C-alpha atoms as a PDB file:
ATOM      1  CA  UNK A   1      40.525 -50.050  28.665  1.00  0.00           C
ATOM      2  CA  UNK A   2      37.870 -52.340  29.964  1.00  0.00           C
ATOM      3  CA  UNK A   3      36.568 -54.746  27.359  1.00  0.00           C
ATOM      4  CA  UNK A   4      33.901 -56.052  29.810  1.00  0.00           C
ATOM      5  CA  UNK A   5      32.215 -53.579  31.783  1.00  0.00           C
ATOM      6  CA  UNK A   6      29.991 -56.241  33.719  1.00  0.00           C
ATOM      7  CA  UNK A   7      33.160 -57.979  35.129  1.00  0.00           C
ATOM      8  CA  UNK A   8      35.402 -55.220  34.795  1.00  0.00           C
ATOM      9  CA  UNK A   9      37.796 -57.064  32.770  1.00  0.00           C
ATOM     10  CA  UNK A  10      40.345 -55.324  30.933  1.00  0.00           C
ATOM     11  CA  UNK A  11      42.139 -55.482  27.510  1.00  0.00           C
ATOM     12  CA  UNK A  12      45.252 -56.399  29.220  1.00  0.00           C
ATOM     13  CA  UNK A  13      43.645 -59.127  31.399  1.00  0.00           C
ATOM     14  CA  UNK A  14      41.978 -60.543  28.319  1.00  0.00           C
ATOM     15  CA  UNK A  15      45.488 -60.459  26.265  1.00  0.00           C
ATOM     16  CA  UNK A  16      47.248 -62.142  29.274  1.00  0.00           C
ATOM     17  CA  UNK A  17      44.522 -65.026  29.122  1.00  0.00           C
ATOM     18  CA  UNK A  18      45.149 -65.465  25.459  1.00  0.00           C
ATOM     19  CA  UNK A  19      48.745 -65.500  25.586  1.00  0.00           C
ATOM     20  CA  UNK A  20      48.445 -68.158  28.388  1.00  0.00           C
ATOM     21  CA  UNK A  21      46.577 -70.395  25.785  1.00  0.00           C
ATOM     22  CA  UNK A  22      42.832 -69.371  25.443  1.00  0.00           C
ATOM     23  CA  UNK A  23      41.939 -69.737  21.667  1.00  0.00           C
ATOM     24  CA  UNK A  24      38.396 -69.196  21.926  1.00  0.00           C
ATOM     25  CA  UNK A  25      35.539 -66.669  23.307  1.00  0.00           C
ATOM     26  CA  UNK A  26      34.545 -69.399  25.475  1.00  0.00           C
ATOM     27  CA  UNK A  27      37.748 -70.059  27.014  1.00  0.00           C
ATOM     28  CA  UNK A  28      38.264 -66.590  27.595  1.00  0.00           C
ATOM     29  CA  UNK A  29      35.090 -66.459  29.681  1.00  0.00           C
ATOM     30  CA  UNK A  30      35.875 -69.399  31.401  1.00  0.00           C
ATOM     31  CA  UNK A  31      39.357 -68.006  32.377  1.00  0.00           C
ATOM     32  CA  UNK A  32      38.654 -64.641  33.297  1.00  0.00           C
ATOM     33  CA  UNK A  33      34.824 -63.894  33.229  1.00  0.00           C
ATOM     34  CA  UNK A  34      34.745 -61.526  29.999  1.00  0.00           C
ATOM     35  CA  UNK A  35      31.570 -62.632  27.934  1.00  0.00           C
ATOM     36  CA  UNK A  36      29.885 -64.365  30.785  1.00  0.00           C
ATOM     37  CA  UNK A  37      27.103 -61.861  31.562  1.00  0.00           C
ATOM     38  CA  UNK A  38      25.621 -59.799  28.742  1.00  0.00           C
ATOM     39  CA  UNK A  39      27.878 -60.739  25.890  1.00  0.00           C
ATOM     40  CA  UNK A  40      28.470 -57.552  24.624  1.00  0.00           C
ATOM     41  CA  UNK A  41      32.355 -57.843  24.803  1.00  0.00           C
ATOM     42  CA  UNK A  42      32.292 -60.885  22.850  1.00  0.00           C
ATOM     43  CA  UNK A  43      33.150 -59.272  19.536  1.00  0.00           C
ATOM     44  CA  UNK A  44      36.053 -57.273  21.373  1.00  0.00           C
ATOM     45  CA  UNK A  45      37.369 -60.476  22.841  1.00  0.00           C
ATOM     46  CA  UNK A  46      37.177 -62.069  19.373  1.00  0.00           C
ATOM     47  CA  UNK A  47      39.335 -59.460  17.810  1.00  0.00           C
ATOM     48  CA  UNK A  48      41.851 -59.598  20.449  1.00  0.00           C
ATOM     49  CA  UNK A  49      41.969 -63.482  19.877  1.00  0.00           C
ATOM     50  CA  UNK A  50      42.279 -62.790  15.898  1.00  0.00           C
ATOM     51  CA  UNK A  51      45.067 -59.950  16.727  1.00  0.00           C
ATOM     52  CA  UNK A  52      47.120 -62.974  18.753  1.00  0.00           C
ATOM     53  CA  UNK A  53      46.228 -65.999  16.522  1.00  0.00           C
ATOM     54  CA  UNK A  54      44.587 -64.800  13.149  1.00  0.00           C
ATOM     55  CA  UNK A  55      41.275 -65.059  11.944  1.00  0.00           C
ATOM     56  CA  UNK A  56      39.611 -68.513  12.636  1.00  0.00           C
ATOM     57  CA  UNK A  57      37.425 -70.548  10.106  1.00  0.00           C
ATOM     58  CA  UNK A  58      33.672 -69.896  11.032  1.00  0.00           C
ATOM     59  CA  UNK A  59      31.476 -72.859  11.473  1.00  0.00           C
ATOM     60  CA  UNK A  60      31.919 -76.225  13.334  1.00  0.00           C
ATOM     61  CA  UNK A  61      34.256 -78.824  11.719  1.00  0.00           C
ATOM     62  CA  UNK A  62      32.344 -82.100  11.439  1.00  0.00           C
ATOM     63  CA  UNK A  63      33.891 -85.313  12.858  1.00  0.00           C
ATOM     64  CA  UNK A  64      35.685 -87.342  10.325  1.00  0.00           C
ATOM     65  CA  UNK A  65      35.547 -84.544   7.882  1.00  0.00           C
ATOM     66  CA  UNK A  66      38.632 -82.562   6.571  1.00  0.00           C
ATOM     67  CA  UNK A  67      38.523 -78.936   4.961  1.00  0.00           C
ATOM     68  CA  UNK A  68      41.015 -78.630   2.254  1.00  0.00           C
ATOM     69  CA  UNK A  69      41.867 -75.324   0.576  1.00  0.00           C
END
């Protein structure tokens, strides 16, 4: 199935990029182009990332600050 219609990137390609080490939507975009045009596929890319790596924490980490559960 195509994840990114703009760049004709399939879910198989996105999964391969993730398996090769991509951990963010930006890293996937840099590797295969998915998410670099209209951005509609970013949610699908994020879902595939979470499928592989689990849900990520939202927000940005502050330098020098640790998050402790």
